[in-house]
Amino acid sequence: MWKIQTISEDIATVTFSLSGRLRSDQVRDLWALLQAETRKVTFDLQEVDIVDQEMVAFLSHCTADGVKLQNCPLYIDRWIAKGRASKSKTNLPGPNE
């Protein structure tokens, strides 16, 4: 089970608190939330228990697009960093390029 709650907002920014287990089947809901939002978004992850690999990839994509992660558990932050590092290695030109 998971939950989204708006915990702060003003004209320019909004912070959504995510809690519970974040899995791939919720990516669509979060993506729709982001697409509908015109303000800068922060996801507060303090109450997140578990995330799956697809959700980590989604959060990584979000941060690359300017979404901030607040109170991000260390293991999620490390998985995001690891995913970016491996992605950048695959994007490096080969010896013949």
Protein backbone atom coordinates (compact mmCIF):
# COMPACT_ATOMS: atom_id res chain seq x y z
CA MET A 1 0.00 0.00 0.00
CA TRP A 2 1.17 3.51 -0.75
CA LYS A 3 -0.04 7.07 -0.32
CA ILE A 4 0.59 10.51 -1.82
CA GLN A 5 -0.06 13.59 0.27
CA THR A 6 0.54 17.26 -0.49
CA ILE A 7 2.54 18.59 2.45
CA SER A 8 3.44 22.07 1.24
CA GLU A 9 2.75 24.27 -1.69
CA ASP A 10 3.05 27.83 -2.87
CA ILE A 11 2.87 29.60 -6.21
CA ALA A 12 6.17 28.19 -7.50
CA THR A 13 6.65 24.85 -5.71
CA VAL A 14 4.82 21.85 -4.33
CA THR A 15 6.03 19.01 -2.11
CA PHE A 16 4.37 15.62 -2.21
CA SER A 17 4.98 13.14 0.58
CA LEU A 18 5.16 9.57 -0.69
CA SER A 19 4.77 6.74 1.77
CA GLY A 20 4.60 2.99 1.84
CA ARG A 21 5.77 0.62 -0.87
CA LEU A 22 6.52 2.23 -4.21
CA ARG A 23 6.31 -0.19 -7.11
CA SER A 24 6.22 -0.10 -10.87
CA ASP A 25 2.41 -0.11 -10.99
CA GLN A 26 2.41 3.36 -9.37
CA VAL A 27 4.76 4.94 -11.92
CA ARG A 28 1.85 5.81 -14.19
CA ASP A 29 0.05 7.65 -11.37
CA LEU A 30 3.15 9.61 -10.39
CA TRP A 31 3.90 10.42 -14.03
CA ALA A 32 0.36 11.79 -14.47
CA LEU A 33 0.80 13.86 -11.31
CA LEU A 34 4.02 15.36 -12.67
CA GLN A 35 2.50 16.06 -16.08
CA ALA A 36 -0.41 17.92 -14.51
CA GLU A 37 1.86 20.03 -12.29
CA THR A 38 3.17 23.39 -13.48
CA ARG A 39 5.19 24.13 -10.35
CA LYS A 40 8.56 22.75 -9.31
CA VAL A 41 8.04 19.43 -7.57
CA THR A 42 9.71 17.84 -4.57
CA PHE A 43 9.04 14.27 -3.50
CA ASP A 44 9.49 13.74 0.23
CA LEU A 45 10.49 10.09 0.64
CA GLN A 46 10.82 9.99 4.43
CA GLU A 47 7.94 7.52 4.84
CA VAL A 48 8.89 5.22 1.94
CA ASP A 49 9.43 1.61 2.99
CA ILE A 50 10.36 -0.23 -0.19
CA VAL A 51 10.94 0.65 -3.84
CA ASP A 52 11.35 -1.65 -6.80
CA GLN A 53 13.82 -1.30 -9.66
CA GLU A 54 11.38 0.40 -12.04
CA MET A 55 10.47 2.97 -9.40
CA VAL A 56 14.16 3.71 -8.82
CA ALA A 57 14.57 4.25 -12.57
CA PHE A 58 11.52 6.54 -12.54
CA LEU A 59 12.87 8.56 -9.60
CA SER A 60 16.21 8.85 -11.35
CA HIS A 61 14.46 10.15 -14.47
CA CYS A 62 12.49 12.60 -12.33
CA THR A 63 15.62 14.01 -10.71
CA ALA A 64 17.23 14.42 -14.12
CA ASP A 65 14.17 16.48 -15.08
CA GLY A 66 14.48 18.73 -12.02
CA VAL A 67 12.32 17.00 -9.41
CA LYS A 68 13.97 17.17 -6.00
CA LEU A 69 14.05 14.22 -3.61
CA GLN A 70 13.78 15.21 0.03
CA ASN A 71 14.54 12.85 2.93
CA CYS A 72 15.63 10.24 0.41
CA PRO A 73 16.68 6.99 2.11
CA LEU A 74 20.35 6.28 1.54
CA TYR A 75 19.71 2.99 -0.24
CA ILE A 76 17.47 4.69 -2.82
CA ASP A 77 20.00 7.47 -3.34
CA ARG A 78 22.75 4.89 -3.87
CA TRP A 79 20.64 2.90 -6.35
CA ILE A 80 19.91 6.06 -8.33
CA ALA A 81 23.61 6.97 -8.38
CA LYS A 82 24.56 3.43 -9.39
CA GLY A 83 22.02 3.49 -12.22
CA ARG A 84 23.35 6.80 -13.50
CA ALA A 85 26.95 5.57 -13.34
CA SER A 86 26.18 2.42 -15.30
CA LYS A 87 24.11 4.38 -17.82
CA SER A 88 26.93 6.89 -18.37
CA LYS A 89 29.36 4.01 -18.94
CA THR A 90 27.11 2.58 -21.65
CA ASN A 91 26.92 5.98 -23.33
CA LEU A 92 30.69 6.38 -23.55
CA PRO A 93 32.08 6.24 -27.07
CA GLY A 94 33.95 3.08 -27.97
CA PRO A 95 37.63 2.97 -29.02
CA ASN A 96 36.71 3.22 -32.70
CA GLU A 97 34.36 6.19 -32.37
